Each structure stands twice: as structure tokens, then as C-alpha cells.
């Protein structure tokens, strides 16, 4: 499985966690994916999305605090759930996966927004992640 597909799975899991409070253990099994597809992917391919989901949720307080610090004029509770899931996933990568270049993380987040978010959400998410990236690097 490509890293892109791994990010999509992680996004779906984080959205499920936010929207329905699905327990982490259940999320990491990706129950919404057909069993045959999961078998075809193989356990090794599921490591990346599981790391993204578990790492994001383990560090959710730090991640949300970082997002809140950048969106000071926005009401956090009014963020679209898909956008929030994308930002959380990406902020986790920016802060804790230093081996992944920030530009790659931001580019992938923008693609996720274009595919799954509202029409212009990619602009907002890009701005938030760019600020966090600059803060991380600078």
C-alpha cells in the first residue's frame, strides 16, 4: 500500500474517532475496509496508517494546542471534522515524524483536503500547517 492510501485510512479513522468516538483499538483494525482488501494489503502495509492514528491520538492534547495557537481567531469547535482530522494527522507528522519532510506532509494534507474537504478548505489547512511547519523549523 502506498503512503497516500495509508494517509487516507488514517484520515478515515481519525474522522470516525471525532464523529462517533470509535475506540482506538477498533479504529486500528479498520473495520470499514473489506476483509479481503485488508488481507491483500497485508499487515506490513497497515503499520504506517496505524502509527499515524495511534500517534495522533496519543498526542491529541499537544496537537490540538498547536492548532489552536495558530487559529486564534477561529472557534476550534466550529472547524469542519474532515479538516480537523486532516490537520491533526498532519500536525502529528510535522511534530513527531521528523523523517518526513514538512513539504511532503503539507502537500499530502492539501491533496486530502481537495479530495475529501470542502471547496476551499485546502487553503485554510495549508496556511495552518505552513505556520506550524515554520514554527517547528525555526
Protein backbone atom coordinates (compact mmCIF):
# COMPACT_ATOMS: atom_id res chain seq x y z
CA UNK A 1 0.00 0.00 0.00
CA UNK A 2 1.25 3.47 -0.79
CA UNK A 3 1.73 6.08 1.89
CA UNK A 4 -1.10 8.02 0.25
CA UNK A 5 -3.54 5.16 0.86
CA UNK A 6 -2.18 4.89 4.39
CA UNK A 7 -2.94 8.55 4.98
CA UNK A 8 -6.46 8.10 3.61
CA UNK A 9 -7.05 5.20 6.02
CA UNK A 10 -5.68 7.28 8.88
CA UNK A 11 -7.92 10.19 7.92
CA UNK A 12 -10.95 7.91 7.89
CA UNK A 13 -10.02 6.55 11.30
CA UNK A 14 -9.49 9.99 12.84
CA UNK A 15 -12.77 11.18 11.38
CA UNK A 16 -14.54 8.16 12.91
CA UNK A 17 -12.91 8.88 16.25
CA UNK A 18 -14.03 12.52 16.18
CA UNK A 19 -17.52 11.89 14.80
CA UNK A 20 -18.52 8.74 16.66
CA UNK A 21 -15.98 8.28 19.44
CA UNK A 22 -14.93 4.94 17.98
CA UNK A 23 -12.43 3.29 20.36
CA UNK A 24 -8.80 3.32 19.25
CA UNK A 25 -8.49 -0.47 19.26
CA UNK A 26 -11.41 -0.71 16.85
CA UNK A 27 -10.05 2.07 14.65
CA UNK A 28 -6.71 0.32 14.27
CA UNK A 29 -8.50 -2.71 12.81
CA UNK A 30 -10.02 -0.50 10.06
CA UNK A 31 -13.39 -2.33 10.28
CA UNK A 32 -14.93 -0.28 7.44
CA UNK A 33 -12.44 -1.82 4.96
CA UNK A 34 -13.47 -5.09 3.35
CA UNK A 35 -11.71 -8.10 4.92
CA UNK A 36 -10.37 -9.24 1.57
CA UNK A 37 -8.84 -5.82 0.91
CA UNK A 38 -7.23 -5.82 4.34
CA UNK A 39 -5.75 -9.26 3.72
CA UNK A 40 -4.50 -8.15 0.32
CA UNK A 41 -2.83 -5.11 1.88
CA UNK A 42 -1.04 -7.26 4.42
CA UNK A 43 -0.03 -6.42 7.97
CA UNK A 44 3.16 -4.63 6.93
CA UNK A 45 1.21 -2.14 4.83
CA UNK A 46 -1.07 -1.32 7.76
CA UNK A 47 1.81 -0.27 10.02
CA UNK A 48 2.03 3.26 8.59
CA UNK A 49 -1.66 4.18 8.98
CA UNK A 50 -1.73 2.58 12.44
CA UNK A 51 1.27 4.64 13.53
CA UNK A 52 -0.42 7.79 12.22
CA UNK A 53 -3.69 7.08 14.04
CA UNK A 54 -2.20 5.86 17.32
CA UNK A 55 0.44 8.60 17.37
CA UNK A 56 -2.09 11.31 16.65
CA UNK A 57 -4.47 10.14 19.37
CA UNK A 58 -1.68 9.62 21.92
CA UNK A 59 -0.59 13.22 21.34
CA UNK A 60 -4.00 14.78 20.72
CA UNK A 61 -3.69 17.38 23.50
CA UNK A 62 -0.35 18.68 22.16
CA UNK A 63 -1.63 18.61 18.57
CA UNK A 64 -4.87 20.44 19.36
CA UNK A 65 -3.00 23.04 21.41
CA UNK A 66 -0.69 23.66 18.46
CA UNK A 67 -3.62 24.02 16.07
CA UNK A 68 -5.43 26.36 18.49
CA UNK A 69 -2.33 28.54 18.77
CA UNK A 70 -2.38 29.13 15.01
CA UNK A 71 -6.13 29.63 14.54
CA UNK A 72 -6.55 32.16 17.32
CA UNK A 73 -9.39 33.98 15.55
CA UNK A 74 -11.32 30.80 14.74
CA UNK A 75 -13.60 28.83 17.02
CA UNK A 76 -11.96 25.38 17.28
CA UNK A 77 -15.32 23.68 17.86
CA UNK A 78 -16.63 25.03 14.55
CA UNK A 79 -13.88 23.51 12.40
CA UNK A 80 -15.18 21.01 9.88
CA UNK A 81 -14.49 17.49 11.14
CA UNK A 82 -12.75 16.41 7.96
CA UNK A 83 -10.48 19.46 8.03
CA UNK A 84 -9.74 18.89 11.70
CA UNK A 85 -8.88 15.23 11.09
CA UNK A 86 -6.55 16.23 8.25
CA UNK A 87 -4.88 18.89 10.38
CA UNK A 88 -4.46 16.57 13.34
CA UNK A 89 -2.93 13.85 11.19
CA UNK A 90 -0.60 16.33 9.53
CA UNK A 91 0.42 18.13 12.72
CA UNK A 92 1.31 14.76 14.21
CA UNK A 93 3.60 14.15 11.23
CA UNK A 94 5.11 17.64 11.43
CA UNK A 95 5.86 17.38 15.15
CA UNK A 96 6.72 13.73 15.61
CA UNK A 97 7.79 12.28 12.25
CA UNK A 98 10.82 14.42 11.53
CA UNK A 99 12.00 11.94 8.88
CA UNK A 100 9.10 13.05 6.65
CA UNK A 101 9.83 16.45 5.08
CA UNK A 102 7.36 19.14 6.10
CA UNK A 103 6.74 19.95 2.43
CA UNK A 104 5.60 16.36 1.81
CA UNK A 105 3.28 16.38 4.82
CA UNK A 106 1.72 19.69 3.78
CA UNK A 107 1.37 18.64 0.14
CA UNK A 108 -0.36 15.40 1.15
CA UNK A 109 -2.68 17.33 3.50
CA UNK A 110 -3.66 19.69 0.69
CA UNK A 111 -4.42 16.70 -1.56
CA UNK A 112 -6.55 15.15 1.20
CA UNK A 113 -8.46 18.44 1.53
CA UNK A 114 -9.02 18.65 -2.21
CA UNK A 115 -10.31 15.07 -2.32
CA UNK A 116 -12.28 14.98 0.95
CA UNK A 117 -12.74 18.51 2.29
CA UNK A 118 -14.90 21.47 1.35
CA UNK A 119 -14.11 23.52 -1.75
CA UNK A 120 -11.63 25.95 -0.23
CA UNK A 121 -10.60 24.08 2.91
CA UNK A 122 -7.21 23.29 1.40
CA UNK A 123 -6.27 26.98 1.60
CA UNK A 124 -7.07 27.19 5.30
CA UNK A 125 -5.38 23.88 6.15
CA UNK A 126 -2.32 24.81 4.08
CA UNK A 127 -1.98 28.09 5.98
CA UNK A 128 -2.30 26.42 9.38
CA UNK A 129 0.22 23.70 8.55
CA UNK A 130 2.63 26.15 6.98
CA UNK A 131 2.63 28.23 10.19
CA UNK A 132 3.20 25.16 12.33
CA UNK A 133 5.95 23.99 10.00
CA UNK A 134 7.76 27.33 10.19
CA UNK A 135 7.46 27.27 13.97
CA UNK A 136 8.88 23.73 14.03
CA UNK A 137 11.78 24.52 11.71
CA UNK A 138 12.57 27.96 13.00
